[in-house]
Amino acid sequence: QRLCDSLFVVFGFVFVGSRLGLYPFWILNTTLFESWEIIGPYPSWWLFNLLLLTLQVLHCIWSYLIICIAYKAIVKGKVSKDDRSDIESSSDDDDSMTNGTKLHHYNPSKGANSTNGTNGHVTTGSWAGDY
C-alpha cells in the first residue's frame, strides 16, 4: 500500500506539472502565437489549435480528479469511492435481458408453427428457415 501511494504521488506531480505547466506554456504558446507570427494562419491551423485547446480542457478536468483523489487519500487515509463514474451498466444488456431472462414474444393467434424473424417480425412459410 505504501508503494502504491508513493507511486500515485509521483504520478500526480508529473501529470499536473507536465499537463498544466509544460504543455500550455511551451506547446500551446508555440502553436498559438509563435506559429501565427512565423507563417500566419492557414486553414488547418484553426482545427489543429482547436483540438489542442480541447485537449487542454481535458487535462484540467483530469488534473482536478487526480487532485480530489489525492486529497481524499491524504485526509481519510483511504479512497472509498471513485468519483469518475457512477454508472457501470450498459444499455445493450437492458434491451435483450430483463431480470436475467431473455424476452420471448409469443402470439397465440398466429399458431404454434410461427417463429420470430428479423426485428421481431413473425415469419411463416418457406422463408421462416432462412432467418
N, C-alpha and C. Protein backbone atom coordinates (compact mmCIF):
# COMPACT_ATOMS: atom_id res chain seq x y z
N GLN A 1 0.83 -1.19 0.00
CA GLN A 1 0.00 0.00 0.00
C GLN A 1 0.87 1.25 0.00
N ARG A 2 1.96 1.22 0.73
CA ARG A 2 2.85 2.37 0.80
C ARG A 2 3.48 2.67 -0.57
N LEU A 3 3.88 1.61 -1.28
CA LEU A 3 4.44 1.77 -2.61
C LEU A 3 3.40 2.35 -3.58
N CYS A 4 2.17 1.87 -3.49
CA CYS A 4 1.09 2.36 -4.35
C CYS A 4 0.85 3.85 -4.10
N ASP A 5 0.79 4.24 -2.85
CA ASP A 5 0.59 5.66 -2.51
C ASP A 5 1.75 6.52 -3.00
N SER A 6 2.95 6.03 -2.85
CA SER A 6 4.12 6.79 -3.30
C SER A 6 4.13 6.97 -4.81
N LEU A 7 3.82 5.90 -5.53
CA LEU A 7 3.78 5.99 -6.99
C LEU A 7 2.64 6.91 -7.46
N PHE A 8 1.52 6.91 -6.75
CA PHE A 8 0.43 7.80 -7.11
C PHE A 8 0.82 9.26 -6.90
N VAL A 9 1.55 9.55 -5.84
CA VAL A 9 2.01 10.92 -5.60
C VAL A 9 2.97 11.36 -6.70
N VAL A 10 3.88 10.49 -7.09
CA VAL A 10 4.81 10.81 -8.17
C VAL A 10 4.03 11.03 -9.47
N PHE A 11 3.09 10.13 -9.75
CA PHE A 11 2.25 10.29 -10.94
C PHE A 11 1.50 11.61 -10.91
N GLY A 12 0.92 11.96 -9.79
CA GLY A 12 0.17 13.21 -9.66
C GLY A 12 1.03 14.43 -9.93
N PHE A 13 2.22 14.48 -9.35
CA PHE A 13 3.11 15.62 -9.58
C PHE A 13 3.55 15.71 -11.04
N VAL A 14 3.90 14.59 -11.63
CA VAL A 14 4.34 14.58 -13.03
C VAL A 14 3.19 14.97 -13.95
N PHE A 15 2.00 14.41 -13.71
CA PHE A 15 0.86 14.70 -14.57
C PHE A 15 0.47 16.17 -14.48
N VAL A 16 0.28 16.68 -13.28
CA VAL A 16 -0.14 18.07 -13.12
C VAL A 16 0.95 19.02 -13.61
N GLY A 17 2.20 18.73 -13.31
CA GLY A 17 3.29 19.59 -13.74
C GLY A 17 3.44 19.65 -15.25
N SER A 18 3.33 18.49 -15.89
CA SER A 18 3.52 18.48 -17.34
C SER A 18 2.28 18.95 -18.09
N ARG A 19 1.08 18.62 -17.61
CA ARG A 19 -0.14 18.97 -18.33
C ARG A 19 -0.63 20.38 -18.06
N LEU A 20 -0.38 20.91 -16.87
CA LEU A 20 -0.83 22.27 -16.54
C LEU A 20 0.32 23.27 -16.52
N GLY A 21 1.55 22.80 -16.64
CA GLY A 21 2.70 23.70 -16.66
C GLY A 21 3.40 23.69 -18.00
N LEU A 22 3.97 22.57 -18.32
CA LEU A 22 4.77 22.44 -19.54
C LEU A 22 3.93 22.56 -20.81
N TYR A 23 2.84 21.85 -20.88
CA TYR A 23 2.02 21.82 -22.10
C TYR A 23 1.48 23.20 -22.49
N PRO A 24 0.81 23.93 -21.60
CA PRO A 24 0.26 25.22 -22.07
C PRO A 24 1.32 26.28 -22.32
N PHE A 25 2.39 26.31 -21.51
CA PHE A 25 3.36 27.38 -21.65
C PHE A 25 4.43 27.12 -22.71
N TRP A 26 4.57 25.88 -23.14
CA TRP A 26 5.54 25.58 -24.17
C TRP A 26 4.85 25.18 -25.48
N ILE A 27 4.03 24.14 -25.43
CA ILE A 27 3.40 23.62 -26.65
C ILE A 27 2.33 24.58 -27.18
N LEU A 28 1.37 24.94 -26.34
CA LEU A 28 0.30 25.82 -26.80
C LEU A 28 0.81 27.20 -27.18
N ASN A 29 1.78 27.71 -26.45
CA ASN A 29 2.37 29.00 -26.79
C ASN A 29 3.00 28.96 -28.18
N THR A 30 3.68 27.86 -28.47
CA THR A 30 4.33 27.73 -29.78
C THR A 30 3.30 27.62 -30.90
N THR A 31 2.28 26.78 -30.71
CA THR A 31 1.33 26.57 -31.80
C THR A 31 0.36 27.74 -31.97
N LEU A 32 0.01 28.41 -30.88
CA LEU A 32 -0.96 29.51 -31.00
C LEU A 32 -0.32 30.83 -31.43
N PHE A 33 0.79 31.20 -30.81
CA PHE A 33 1.32 32.54 -31.01
C PHE A 33 2.55 32.58 -31.92
N GLU A 34 3.53 31.70 -31.67
CA GLU A 34 4.75 31.75 -32.47
C GLU A 34 4.50 31.31 -33.91
N SER A 35 3.64 30.30 -34.11
CA SER A 35 3.36 29.87 -35.49
C SER A 35 2.57 30.94 -36.24
N TRP A 36 1.75 31.71 -35.55
CA TRP A 36 0.98 32.80 -36.18
C TRP A 36 1.94 33.87 -36.70
N GLU A 37 2.99 34.16 -35.91
CA GLU A 37 3.96 35.18 -36.32
C GLU A 37 4.85 34.70 -37.45
N ILE A 38 5.20 33.41 -37.45
CA ILE A 38 6.14 32.89 -38.43
C ILE A 38 5.47 32.66 -39.79
N ILE A 39 4.37 31.90 -39.83
CA ILE A 39 3.76 31.56 -41.11
C ILE A 39 2.33 32.05 -41.24
N GLY A 40 1.75 32.57 -40.21
CA GLY A 40 0.38 33.07 -40.29
C GLY A 40 -0.63 31.94 -40.23
N PRO A 41 -1.90 32.31 -40.13
CA PRO A 41 -2.93 31.26 -40.06
C PRO A 41 -3.17 30.62 -41.42
N TYR A 42 -3.37 29.36 -41.43
CA TYR A 42 -3.72 28.61 -42.62
C TYR A 42 -4.94 27.76 -42.26
N PRO A 43 -5.64 27.19 -43.22
CA PRO A 43 -6.93 26.54 -42.91
C PRO A 43 -6.87 25.47 -41.82
N SER A 44 -5.87 24.62 -41.85
CA SER A 44 -5.83 23.57 -40.83
C SER A 44 -5.28 24.08 -39.49
N TRP A 45 -4.73 25.29 -39.45
CA TRP A 45 -4.22 25.87 -38.20
C TRP A 45 -5.35 26.01 -37.19
N TRP A 46 -6.52 26.44 -37.66
CA TRP A 46 -7.65 26.63 -36.76
C TRP A 46 -8.11 25.30 -36.16
N LEU A 47 -8.24 24.28 -36.95
CA LEU A 47 -8.66 22.96 -36.47
C LEU A 47 -7.63 22.38 -35.52
N PHE A 48 -6.37 22.44 -35.91
CA PHE A 48 -5.29 21.90 -35.10
C PHE A 48 -5.26 22.55 -33.71
N ASN A 49 -5.35 23.86 -33.66
CA ASN A 49 -5.30 24.55 -32.38
C ASN A 49 -6.58 24.36 -31.57
N LEU A 50 -7.72 24.22 -32.22
CA LEU A 50 -8.95 23.92 -31.51
C LEU A 50 -8.85 22.56 -30.81
N LEU A 51 -8.29 21.58 -31.50
CA LEU A 51 -8.11 20.26 -30.90
C LEU A 51 -7.11 20.30 -29.73
N LEU A 52 -6.04 21.09 -29.88
CA LEU A 52 -5.07 21.22 -28.78
C LEU A 52 -5.69 21.92 -27.56
N LEU A 53 -6.53 22.91 -27.81
CA LEU A 53 -7.21 23.59 -26.69
C LEU A 53 -8.24 22.67 -26.03
N THR A 54 -8.90 21.84 -26.81
CA THR A 54 -9.83 20.85 -26.24
C THR A 54 -9.07 19.86 -25.36
N LEU A 55 -7.90 19.46 -25.81
CA LEU A 55 -7.06 18.58 -25.01
C LEU A 55 -6.64 19.26 -23.71
N GLN A 56 -6.38 20.55 -23.74
CA GLN A 56 -6.02 21.28 -22.52
C GLN A 56 -7.20 21.32 -21.54
N VAL A 57 -8.41 21.45 -22.04
CA VAL A 57 -9.59 21.41 -21.15
C VAL A 57 -9.70 20.04 -20.50
N LEU A 58 -9.47 18.97 -21.26
CA LEU A 58 -9.48 17.62 -20.69
C LEU A 58 -8.38 17.46 -19.64
N HIS A 59 -7.20 18.03 -19.88
CA HIS A 59 -6.12 17.97 -18.89
C HIS A 59 -6.54 18.64 -17.60
N CYS A 60 -7.25 19.75 -17.69
CA CYS A 60 -7.71 20.45 -16.47
C CYS A 60 -8.71 19.58 -15.70
N ILE A 61 -9.64 18.94 -16.41
CA ILE A 61 -10.63 18.07 -15.75
C ILE A 61 -9.93 16.89 -15.09
N TRP A 62 -9.02 16.24 -15.81
CA TRP A 62 -8.32 15.08 -15.26
C TRP A 62 -7.45 15.47 -14.08
N SER A 63 -6.82 16.63 -14.15
CA SER A 63 -6.00 17.09 -13.03
C SER A 63 -6.86 17.34 -11.80
N TYR A 64 -8.02 17.91 -12.00
CA TYR A 64 -8.96 18.12 -10.89
C TYR A 64 -9.32 16.80 -10.23
N LEU A 65 -9.62 15.78 -11.03
CA LEU A 65 -9.97 14.47 -10.47
C LEU A 65 -8.80 13.85 -9.72
N ILE A 66 -7.60 13.98 -10.25
CA ILE A 66 -6.42 13.43 -9.58
C ILE A 66 -6.18 14.14 -8.26
N ILE A 67 -6.34 15.46 -8.24
CA ILE A 67 -6.15 16.22 -7.00
C ILE A 67 -7.22 15.85 -5.98
N CYS A 68 -8.47 15.66 -6.41
CA CYS A 68 -9.53 15.25 -5.49
C CYS A 68 -9.25 13.89 -4.87
N ILE A 69 -8.80 12.95 -5.68
CA ILE A 69 -8.47 11.61 -5.18
C ILE A 69 -7.29 11.68 -4.22
N ALA A 70 -6.28 12.47 -4.56
CA ALA A 70 -5.12 12.62 -3.67
C ALA A 70 -5.53 13.27 -2.35
N TYR A 71 -6.41 14.27 -2.40
CA TYR A 71 -6.86 14.93 -1.18
C TYR A 71 -7.61 13.95 -0.28
N LYS A 72 -8.51 13.15 -0.87
CA LYS A 72 -9.23 12.15 -0.08
C LYS A 72 -8.28 11.11 0.52
N ALA A 73 -7.27 10.73 -0.25
CA ALA A 73 -6.31 9.75 0.25
C ALA A 73 -5.51 10.32 1.42
N ILE A 74 -5.17 11.61 1.35
CA ILE A 74 -4.39 12.22 2.43
C ILE A 74 -5.24 12.45 3.66
N VAL A 75 -6.45 12.99 3.48
CA VAL A 75 -7.31 13.32 4.62
C VAL A 75 -7.88 12.07 5.28
N LYS A 76 -8.44 11.16 4.48
CA LYS A 76 -9.09 9.98 5.03
C LYS A 76 -8.14 8.79 5.17
N GLY A 77 -7.05 8.84 4.47
CA GLY A 77 -6.11 7.73 4.51
C GLY A 77 -6.46 6.62 3.54
N LYS A 78 -7.65 6.69 2.95
CA LYS A 78 -8.09 5.66 2.03
C LYS A 78 -9.18 6.25 1.14
N VAL A 79 -9.16 5.89 -0.13
CA VAL A 79 -10.19 6.35 -1.06
C VAL A 79 -11.29 5.30 -1.06
N SER A 80 -12.49 5.71 -0.63
CA SER A 80 -13.58 4.75 -0.51
C SER A 80 -14.42 4.66 -1.77
N LYS A 81 -14.54 5.75 -2.52
CA LYS A 81 -15.37 5.77 -3.72
C LYS A 81 -14.67 6.54 -4.82
N ASP A 82 -14.73 6.00 -6.02
CA ASP A 82 -14.12 6.64 -7.18
C ASP A 82 -15.12 7.62 -7.78
N ASP A 83 -14.71 8.87 -8.00
CA ASP A 83 -15.60 9.91 -8.49
C ASP A 83 -15.76 9.92 -10.00
N ARG A 84 -14.99 9.12 -10.71
CA ARG A 84 -15.01 9.21 -12.17
C ARG A 84 -16.32 8.75 -12.78
N SER A 85 -16.90 7.65 -12.31
CA SER A 85 -18.10 7.13 -12.94
C SER A 85 -18.96 6.42 -11.91
N ASP A 86 -20.26 6.69 -11.97
CA ASP A 86 -21.19 6.02 -11.07
C ASP A 86 -22.00 4.96 -11.80
N ILE A 87 -22.05 5.00 -13.11
CA ILE A 87 -22.87 4.08 -13.88
C ILE A 87 -21.97 3.00 -14.48
N GLU A 88 -22.29 1.75 -14.18
CA GLU A 88 -21.48 0.64 -14.65
C GLU A 88 -22.21 -0.24 -15.66
N SER A 89 -23.53 -0.05 -15.86
CA SER A 89 -24.27 -0.93 -16.75
C SER A 89 -24.34 -0.33 -18.14
N SER A 90 -24.58 -1.18 -19.12
CA SER A 90 -24.73 -0.71 -20.48
C SER A 90 -26.17 -0.89 -20.92
N SER A 91 -26.58 -0.13 -21.92
CA SER A 91 -27.96 -0.22 -22.39
C SER A 91 -28.19 -1.47 -23.23
N ASP A 92 -27.13 -2.09 -23.76
CA ASP A 92 -27.29 -3.30 -24.56
C ASP A 92 -27.85 -4.44 -23.71
N ASP A 93 -27.40 -4.53 -22.47
CA ASP A 93 -27.88 -5.59 -21.60
C ASP A 93 -29.35 -5.38 -21.25
N ASP A 94 -29.77 -4.14 -21.12
CA ASP A 94 -31.14 -3.85 -20.74
C ASP A 94 -32.12 -4.16 -21.87
N ASP A 95 -31.68 -4.03 -23.12
CA ASP A 95 -32.57 -4.27 -24.24
C ASP A 95 -32.92 -5.74 -24.41
N SER A 96 -31.95 -6.61 -24.24
CA SER A 96 -32.20 -8.02 -24.53
C SER A 96 -32.48 -8.85 -23.28
N MET A 97 -32.19 -8.35 -22.13
CA MET A 97 -32.36 -9.13 -20.91
C MET A 97 -33.23 -8.36 -19.93
N THR A 98 -34.11 -9.06 -19.26
CA THR A 98 -34.90 -8.49 -18.19
C THR A 98 -34.87 -9.46 -17.03
N ASN A 99 -34.33 -9.03 -15.90
CA ASN A 99 -34.19 -9.85 -14.69
C ASN A 99 -33.45 -11.16 -14.97
N GLY A 100 -32.46 -11.10 -15.84
CA GLY A 100 -31.63 -12.26 -16.10
C GLY A 100 -32.23 -13.26 -17.08
N THR A 101 -33.43 -13.01 -17.60
CA THR A 101 -34.03 -13.94 -18.55
C THR A 101 -34.28 -13.22 -19.86
N LYS A 102 -34.17 -13.96 -20.95
CA LYS A 102 -34.41 -13.38 -22.27
C LYS A 102 -35.91 -13.20 -22.48
N LEU A 103 -36.24 -12.15 -23.19
CA LEU A 103 -37.65 -11.91 -23.51
C LEU A 103 -38.06 -12.74 -24.71
N HIS A 104 -39.18 -13.45 -24.61
CA HIS A 104 -39.72 -14.21 -25.72
C HIS A 104 -41.13 -13.71 -25.97
N HIS A 105 -41.42 -13.45 -27.23
CA HIS A 105 -42.74 -12.96 -27.59
C HIS A 105 -43.50 -14.09 -28.28
N TYR A 106 -44.68 -14.39 -27.80
CA TYR A 106 -45.50 -15.42 -28.40
C TYR A 106 -46.87 -14.84 -28.66
N ASN A 107 -47.34 -14.99 -29.87
CA ASN A 107 -48.66 -14.52 -30.24
C ASN A 107 -49.54 -15.74 -30.48
N PRO A 108 -50.49 -16.05 -29.58
CA PRO A 108 -51.30 -17.27 -29.74
C PRO A 108 -52.18 -17.26 -30.98
N SER A 109 -52.51 -16.09 -31.51
CA SER A 109 -53.37 -16.04 -32.69
C SER A 109 -52.65 -16.51 -33.95
N LYS A 110 -51.34 -16.50 -33.95
CA LYS A 110 -50.57 -16.91 -35.13
C LYS A 110 -50.34 -18.41 -35.18
N GLY A 111 -50.55 -19.09 -34.09
CA GLY A 111 -50.38 -20.53 -34.08
C GLY A 111 -49.03 -20.94 -33.54
N ALA A 112 -48.87 -22.23 -33.35
CA ALA A 112 -47.65 -22.76 -32.74
C ALA A 112 -46.51 -22.86 -33.73
N ASN A 113 -46.78 -22.85 -35.05
CA ASN A 113 -45.73 -23.03 -36.04
C ASN A 113 -45.03 -21.73 -36.43
N SER A 114 -45.50 -20.56 -35.96
CA SER A 114 -44.86 -19.30 -36.35
C SER A 114 -43.60 -19.07 -35.54
N THR A 115 -42.61 -18.46 -36.17
CA THR A 115 -41.35 -18.17 -35.49
C THR A 115 -41.04 -16.70 -35.62
N ASN A 116 -40.25 -16.18 -34.69
CA ASN A 116 -39.84 -14.78 -34.74
C ASN A 116 -38.66 -14.64 -35.67
N GLY A 117 -38.76 -13.71 -36.61
CA GLY A 117 -37.69 -13.47 -37.56
C GLY A 117 -36.92 -12.22 -37.19
N THR A 118 -36.33 -11.60 -38.19
CA THR A 118 -35.54 -10.40 -38.00
C THR A 118 -36.41 -9.27 -37.46
N ASN A 119 -35.89 -8.53 -36.50
CA ASN A 119 -36.57 -7.38 -35.89
C ASN A 119 -37.89 -7.75 -35.25
N GLY A 120 -38.09 -8.99 -34.85
CA GLY A 120 -39.29 -9.40 -34.14
C GLY A 120 -40.48 -9.64 -35.03
N HIS A 121 -40.33 -9.57 -36.35
CA HIS A 121 -41.45 -9.83 -37.24
C HIS A 121 -41.73 -11.32 -37.27
N VAL A 122 -43.01 -11.66 -37.25
CA VAL A 122 -43.40 -13.06 -37.28
C VAL A 122 -43.32 -13.52 -38.73
N THR A 123 -42.58 -14.60 -38.92
CA THR A 123 -42.43 -15.14 -40.28
C THR A 123 -43.05 -16.52 -40.34
N THR A 124 -43.68 -16.81 -41.42
CA THR A 124 -44.26 -18.13 -41.63
C THR A 124 -43.94 -18.57 -43.04
N GLY A 125 -44.17 -19.81 -43.33
CA GLY A 125 -43.99 -20.32 -44.69
C GLY A 125 -42.57 -20.74 -44.96
N SER A 126 -42.20 -20.71 -46.26
CA SER A 126 -40.91 -21.23 -46.68
C SER A 126 -39.74 -20.35 -46.27
N TRP A 127 -39.96 -19.07 -46.00
CA TRP A 127 -38.88 -18.17 -45.64
C TRP A 127 -38.50 -18.24 -44.17
N ALA A 128 -39.26 -18.90 -43.35
CA ALA A 128 -39.02 -18.93 -41.91
C ALA A 128 -37.68 -19.57 -41.57
N GLY A 129 -37.24 -20.54 -42.32
CA GLY A 129 -35.99 -21.23 -42.03
C GLY A 129 -34.75 -20.42 -42.40
N ASP A 130 -34.91 -19.39 -43.23
CA ASP A 130 -33.77 -18.59 -43.67
C ASP A 130 -33.25 -17.67 -42.59
N TYR A 131 -34.04 -17.37 -41.62
CA TYR A 131 -33.63 -16.47 -40.56
C TYR A 131 -32.90 -17.25 -39.54
